[in-house]
Amino acid sequence: MMEDDLIIQAMDRENEALHLAGSHIGRFEPLSKLPVEVPLRLISDYRHLLASRKFSRDEMAAIVQRDLGIAIVRLRGMTLGMDHLNSVRHAVLLHVAVMIGVDELAKMGTLWKALRERRYEDAATELLLSKWPSVVASDPATDDKQRVVELHRMMWTGLLPAEAGTRAH
């Protein structure tokens, strides 16, 4: 296979991972509680925007996609050589990156070693042993243990939560 084909395949996996991570992140607080639509905002509304929750889901989804785009570019050097890393596992890495930061994720050497060696159960365990679950748990406005469980399973199985019972990966 030509090098261009490998690059195109990697970009396709990244695009699918962006979509999957954005969809998954949107299911959890604070995004899941946002209104679907908001009325026309006036200039005076901007200083109260955060407190008044006048962001629509689409606006927040655009912000999330922007941040995921930045994260995927920063993760690219760590994941390009891992053609075996499917888009679901890539989406987990993106999700974790926007929670704890790409730099913290990059420091998780044991996670990256497990991923390089295709030891996905170990990689999933490394995520649980990292500071990432405590970041999720530290938000007093949410009890988002389900997010941790789902992402752990996604890393381990390579499947989305709805698919996990249907086929192994």
C-alpha atoms as a PDB file:
ATOM      1  CA  MET A   1       0.000   0.000   0.000  1.00  0.00           C
ATOM      2  CA  MET A   2       1.336   3.422  -0.880  1.00  0.00           C
ATOM      3  CA  GLU A   3       2.216   5.958   1.794  1.00  0.00           C
ATOM      4  CA  ASP A   4      -0.579   8.263   0.545  1.00  0.00           C
ATOM      5  CA  ASP A   5      -3.114   5.483   1.134  1.00  0.00           C
ATOM      6  CA  LEU A   6      -1.873   5.040   4.704  1.00  0.00           C
ATOM      7  CA  ILE A   7      -2.200   8.765   5.316  1.00  0.00           C
ATOM      8  CA  ILE A   8      -5.743   8.780   3.900  1.00  0.00           C
ATOM      9  CA  GLN A   9      -6.679   5.808   6.106  1.00  0.00           C
ATOM     10  CA  ALA A  10      -5.235   7.542   9.164  1.00  0.00           C
ATOM     11  CA  MET A  11      -7.160  10.730   8.337  1.00  0.00           C
ATOM     12  CA  ASP A  12     -10.379   8.710   7.874  1.00  0.00           C
ATOM     13  CA  ARG A  13      -9.867   7.089  11.306  1.00  0.00           C
ATOM     14  CA  GLU A  14      -9.239  10.515  12.821  1.00  0.00           C
ATOM     15  CA  ASN A  15     -12.405  11.948  11.259  1.00  0.00           C
ATOM     16  CA  GLU A  16     -14.495   9.049  12.530  1.00  0.00           C
ATOM     17  CA  ALA A  17     -12.875   9.389  15.962  1.00  0.00           C
ATOM     18  CA  LEU A  18     -13.714  13.122  16.024  1.00  0.00           C
ATOM     19  CA  HIS A  19     -17.344  12.342  15.279  1.00  0.00           C
ATOM     20  CA  LEU A  20     -17.540   9.519  17.845  1.00  0.00           C
ATOM     21  CA  ALA A  21     -15.821  11.512  20.599  1.00  0.00           C
ATOM     22  CA  GLY A  22     -18.010  14.564  19.967  1.00  0.00           C
ATOM     23  CA  SER A  23     -21.179  12.480  20.077  1.00  0.00           C
ATOM     24  CA  HIS A  24     -20.106  10.683  23.237  1.00  0.00           C
ATOM     25  CA  ILE A  25     -19.001  13.835  25.067  1.00  0.00           C
ATOM     26  CA  GLY A  26     -22.324  15.505  24.240  1.00  0.00           C
ATOM     27  CA  ARG A  27     -24.222  12.848  26.189  1.00  0.00           C
ATOM     28  CA  PHE A  28     -22.738  13.964  29.521  1.00  0.00           C
ATOM     29  CA  GLU A  29     -22.928  17.013  31.801  1.00  0.00           C
ATOM     30  CA  PRO A  30     -22.677  19.886  31.244  1.00  0.00           C
ATOM     31  CA  LEU A  31     -23.544  19.410  27.563  1.00  0.00           C
ATOM     32  CA  SER A  32     -26.448  17.007  28.014  1.00  0.00           C
ATOM     33  CA  LYS A  33     -28.488  19.585  29.928  1.00  0.00           C
ATOM     34  CA  LEU A  34     -28.106  22.417  27.419  1.00  0.00           C
ATOM     35  CA  PRO A  35     -31.151  23.684  25.532  1.00  0.00           C
ATOM     36  CA  VAL A  36     -31.572  22.548  21.947  1.00  0.00           C
ATOM     37  CA  GLU A  37     -32.306  26.114  20.819  1.00  0.00           C
ATOM     38  CA  VAL A  38     -31.956  29.572  22.351  1.00  0.00           C
ATOM     39  CA  PRO A  39     -33.679  32.821  21.343  1.00  0.00           C
ATOM     40  CA  LEU A  40     -31.779  35.601  19.600  1.00  0.00           C
ATOM     41  CA  ARG A  41     -29.172  36.950  22.015  1.00  0.00           C
ATOM     42  CA  LEU A  42     -28.523  40.633  22.524  1.00  0.00           C
ATOM     43  CA  ILE A  43     -25.053  42.100  23.103  1.00  0.00           C
ATOM     44  CA  SER A  44     -25.893  42.612  26.782  1.00  0.00           C
ATOM     45  CA  ASP A  45     -26.477  38.854  27.097  1.00  0.00           C
ATOM     46  CA  TYR A  46     -22.846  37.992  26.406  1.00  0.00           C
ATOM     47  CA  ARG A  47     -21.570  38.923  29.847  1.00  0.00           C
ATOM     48  CA  HIS A  48     -24.167  36.595  31.367  1.00  0.00           C
ATOM     49  CA  LEU A  49     -23.770  33.864  28.806  1.00  0.00           C
ATOM     50  CA  LEU A  50     -22.123  31.271  30.987  1.00  0.00           C
ATOM     51  CA  ALA A  51     -24.247  31.918  34.043  1.00  0.00           C
ATOM     52  CA  SER A  52     -27.477  31.968  32.058  1.00  0.00           C
ATOM     53  CA  ARG A  53     -26.678  28.819  30.037  1.00  0.00           C
ATOM     54  CA  LYS A  54     -27.612  30.566  26.796  1.00  0.00           C
ATOM     55  CA  PHE A  55     -25.413  28.351  24.681  1.00  0.00           C
ATOM     56  CA  SER A  56     -27.343  26.002  22.451  1.00  0.00           C
ATOM     57  CA  ARG A  57     -26.273  22.391  22.096  1.00  0.00           C
ATOM     58  CA  ASP A  58     -25.186  23.107  18.536  1.00  0.00           C
ATOM     59  CA  GLU A  59     -22.981  26.001  19.680  1.00  0.00           C
ATOM     60  CA  MET A  60     -21.399  23.885  22.394  1.00  0.00           C
ATOM     61  CA  ALA A  61     -21.014  20.994  19.962  1.00  0.00           C
ATOM     62  CA  ALA A  62     -19.111  23.349  17.640  1.00  0.00           C
ATOM     63  CA  ILE A  63     -16.861  24.383  20.542  1.00  0.00           C
ATOM     64  CA  VAL A  64     -16.292  20.732  21.473  1.00  0.00           C
ATOM     65  CA  GLN A  65     -15.485  19.817  17.856  1.00  0.00           C
ATOM     66  CA  ARG A  66     -12.990  22.693  17.724  1.00  0.00           C
ATOM     67  CA  ASP A  67     -11.277  21.470  20.884  1.00  0.00           C
ATOM     68  CA  LEU A  68     -11.281  17.884  19.635  1.00  0.00           C
ATOM     69  CA  GLY A  69      -9.704  19.078  16.392  1.00  0.00           C
ATOM     70  CA  ILE A  70      -6.900  20.694  18.352  1.00  0.00           C
ATOM     71  CA  ALA A  71      -6.479  17.561  20.471  1.00  0.00           C
ATOM     72  CA  ILE A  72      -6.371  15.221  17.473  1.00  0.00           C
ATOM     73  CA  VAL A  73      -3.614  17.261  15.858  1.00  0.00           C
ATOM     74  CA  ARG A  74      -1.630  17.184  19.101  1.00  0.00           C
ATOM     75  CA  LEU A  75      -2.185  13.421  19.501  1.00  0.00           C
ATOM     76  CA  ARG A  76      -1.288  12.674  15.895  1.00  0.00           C
ATOM     77  CA  GLY A  77       2.399  12.162  16.611  1.00  0.00           C
ATOM     78  CA  MET A  78       1.539   9.580  19.241  1.00  0.00           C
ATOM     79  CA  THR A  79      -1.059   7.668  17.211  1.00  0.00           C
ATOM     80  CA  LEU A  80       0.093   7.778  13.571  1.00  0.00           C
ATOM     81  CA  GLY A  81       2.142   4.606  13.886  1.00  0.00           C
ATOM     82  CA  MET A  82      -0.795   2.741  15.407  1.00  0.00           C
ATOM     83  CA  ASP A  83      -2.837   1.677  12.396  1.00  0.00           C
ATOM     84  CA  HIS A  84      -4.394  -1.023  14.611  1.00  0.00           C
ATOM     85  CA  LEU A  85      -5.973   1.650  16.846  1.00  0.00           C
ATOM     86  CA  ASN A  86      -9.564   1.794  15.628  1.00  0.00           C
ATOM     87  CA  SER A  87     -11.676   4.943  15.656  1.00  0.00           C
ATOM     88  CA  VAL A  88     -13.524   3.974  18.872  1.00  0.00           C
ATOM     89  CA  ARG A  89     -10.280   3.654  20.828  1.00  0.00           C
ATOM     90  CA  HIS A  90      -9.009   6.814  19.179  1.00  0.00           C
ATOM     91  CA  ALA A  91     -12.226   8.563  20.295  1.00  0.00           C
ATOM     92  CA  VAL A  92     -11.560   7.431  23.883  1.00  0.00           C
ATOM     93  CA  LEU A  93      -8.108   9.021  23.738  1.00  0.00           C
ATOM     94  CA  LEU A  94      -9.640  12.237  22.423  1.00  0.00           C
ATOM     95  CA  HIS A  95     -12.291  12.242  25.136  1.00  0.00           C
ATOM     96  CA  VAL A  96      -9.674  11.742  27.844  1.00  0.00           C
ATOM     97  CA  ALA A  97      -7.442  14.395  26.240  1.00  0.00           C
ATOM     98  CA  VAL A  98     -10.146  17.050  26.530  1.00  0.00           C
ATOM     99  CA  MET A  99     -10.693  16.050  30.160  1.00  0.00           C
ATOM    100  CA  ILE A 100      -7.090  16.027  31.439  1.00  0.00           C
ATOM    101  CA  GLY A 101      -5.182  17.648  28.595  1.00  0.00           C
ATOM    102  CA  VAL A 102      -3.017  16.211  25.852  1.00  0.00           C
ATOM    103  CA  ASP A 103       0.173  16.789  27.836  1.00  0.00           C
ATOM    104  CA  GLU A 104      -1.080  14.681  30.771  1.00  0.00           C
ATOM    105  CA  LEU A 105      -2.279  11.966  28.410  1.00  0.00           C
ATOM    106  CA  ALA A 106       1.092  11.987  26.640  1.00  0.00           C
ATOM    107  CA  LYS A 107       2.857  11.351  29.983  1.00  0.00           C
ATOM    108  CA  MET A 108       0.994   8.051  30.450  1.00  0.00           C
ATOM    109  CA  GLY A 109       3.830   5.873  29.154  1.00  0.00           C
ATOM    110  CA  THR A 110       2.345   2.582  30.306  1.00  0.00           C
ATOM    111  CA  LEU A 111      -0.899   3.363  28.459  1.00  0.00           C
ATOM    112  CA  TRP A 112       0.954   4.128  25.227  1.00  0.00           C
ATOM    113  CA  LYS A 113       3.103   0.994  25.585  1.00  0.00           C
ATOM    114  CA  ALA A 114      -0.033  -1.131  26.037  1.00  0.00           C
ATOM    115  CA  LEU A 115      -1.622   0.497  22.994  1.00  0.00           C
ATOM    116  CA  ARG A 116       1.462  -0.067  20.847  1.00  0.00           C
ATOM    117  CA  GLU A 117       1.431  -3.725  21.925  1.00  0.00           C
ATOM    118  CA  ARG A 118      -2.336  -4.053  21.318  1.00  0.00           C
ATOM    119  CA  ARG A 119      -2.977  -4.899  24.967  1.00  0.00           C
ATOM    120  CA  TYR A 120      -6.285  -3.079  25.143  1.00  0.00           C
ATOM    121  CA  GLU A 121      -7.400  -4.500  28.494  1.00  0.00           C
ATOM    122  CA  ASP A 122      -4.173  -3.169  30.023  1.00  0.00           C
ATOM    123  CA  ALA A 123      -4.656   0.168  28.253  1.00  0.00           C
ATOM    124  CA  ALA A 124      -8.172   0.416  29.675  1.00  0.00           C
ATOM    125  CA  THR A 125      -6.834  -0.376  33.153  1.00  0.00           C
ATOM    126  CA  GLU A 126      -4.146   2.296  32.777  1.00  0.00           C
ATOM    127  CA  LEU A 127      -6.886   4.822  32.078  1.00  0.00           C
ATOM    128  CA  LEU A 128      -8.623   3.831  35.321  1.00  0.00           C
ATOM    129  CA  LEU A 129      -5.360   4.164  37.249  1.00  0.00           C
ATOM    130  CA  SER A 130      -4.689   7.629  35.854  1.00  0.00           C
ATOM    131  CA  LYS A 131      -5.894  10.958  37.221  1.00  0.00           C
ATOM    132  CA  TRP A 132      -8.623  11.062  34.570  1.00  0.00           C
ATOM    133  CA  PRO A 133     -11.376   9.316  36.633  1.00  0.00           C
ATOM    134  CA  SER A 134     -10.765  11.701  39.531  1.00  0.00           C
ATOM    135  CA  VAL A 135     -11.114  14.693  37.181  1.00  0.00           C
ATOM    136  CA  VAL A 136     -14.504  13.360  36.102  1.00  0.00           C
ATOM    137  CA  ALA A 137     -15.512  12.639  39.714  1.00  0.00           C
ATOM    138  CA  SER A 138     -14.319  16.016  41.013  1.00  0.00           C
ATOM    139  CA  ASP A 139     -17.149  17.954  39.361  1.00  0.00           C
ATOM    140  CA  PRO A 140     -19.744  18.400  42.141  1.00  0.00           C
ATOM    141  CA  ALA A 141     -22.462  19.187  39.581  1.00  0.00           C
ATOM    142  CA  THR A 142     -22.339  15.689  38.126  1.00  0.00           C
ATOM    143  CA  ASP A 143     -21.980  12.088  39.136  1.00  0.00           C
ATOM    144  CA  ASP A 144     -20.474  10.901  35.899  1.00  0.00           C
ATOM    145  CA  LYS A 145     -19.193   7.462  36.819  1.00  0.00           C
ATOM    146  CA  GLN A 146     -21.006   6.088  33.763  1.00  0.00           C
ATOM    147  CA  ARG A 147     -18.672   8.097  31.526  1.00  0.00           C
ATOM    148  CA  VAL A 148     -15.651   6.422  33.131  1.00  0.00           C
ATOM    149  CA  VAL A 149     -17.209   2.967  32.816  1.00  0.00           C
ATOM    150  CA  GLU A 150     -18.204   3.481  29.173  1.00  0.00           C
ATOM    151  CA  LEU A 151     -14.827   4.826  28.094  1.00  0.00           C
ATOM    152  CA  HIS A 152     -13.034   2.017  29.932  1.00  0.00           C
ATOM    153  CA  ARG A 153     -15.169  -0.555  28.100  1.00  0.00           C
ATOM    154  CA  MET A 154     -14.728   1.250  24.777  1.00  0.00           C
ATOM    155  CA  MET A 155     -10.940   1.148  25.138  1.00  0.00           C
ATOM    156  CA  TRP A 156     -10.988  -2.507  26.147  1.00  0.00           C
ATOM    157  CA  THR A 157     -13.412  -3.767  23.480  1.00  0.00           C
ATOM    158  CA  GLY A 158     -12.968  -1.245  20.686  1.00  0.00           C
ATOM    159  CA  LEU A 159     -16.760  -1.012  20.485  1.00  0.00           C
ATOM    160  CA  LEU A 160     -19.285   1.725  21.159  1.00  0.00           C
ATOM    161  CA  PRO A 161     -21.482   1.042  24.217  1.00  0.00           C
ATOM    162  CA  ALA A 162     -24.519  -0.028  22.146  1.00  0.00           C
ATOM    163  CA  GLU A 163     -22.336  -2.437  20.138  1.00  0.00           C
ATOM    164  CA  ALA A 164     -20.443  -3.952  23.072  1.00  0.00           C
ATOM    165  CA  GLY A 165     -22.759  -6.929  23.450  1.00  0.00           C
ATOM    166  CA  THR A 166     -22.972  -7.683  19.743  1.00  0.00           C
ATOM    167  CA  ARG A 167     -19.452  -8.384  18.511  1.00  0.00           C
ATOM    168  CA  ALA A 168     -15.898  -8.603  19.771  1.00  0.00           C
ATOM    169  CA  HIS A 169     -13.068  -6.494  18.406  1.00  0.00           C
END
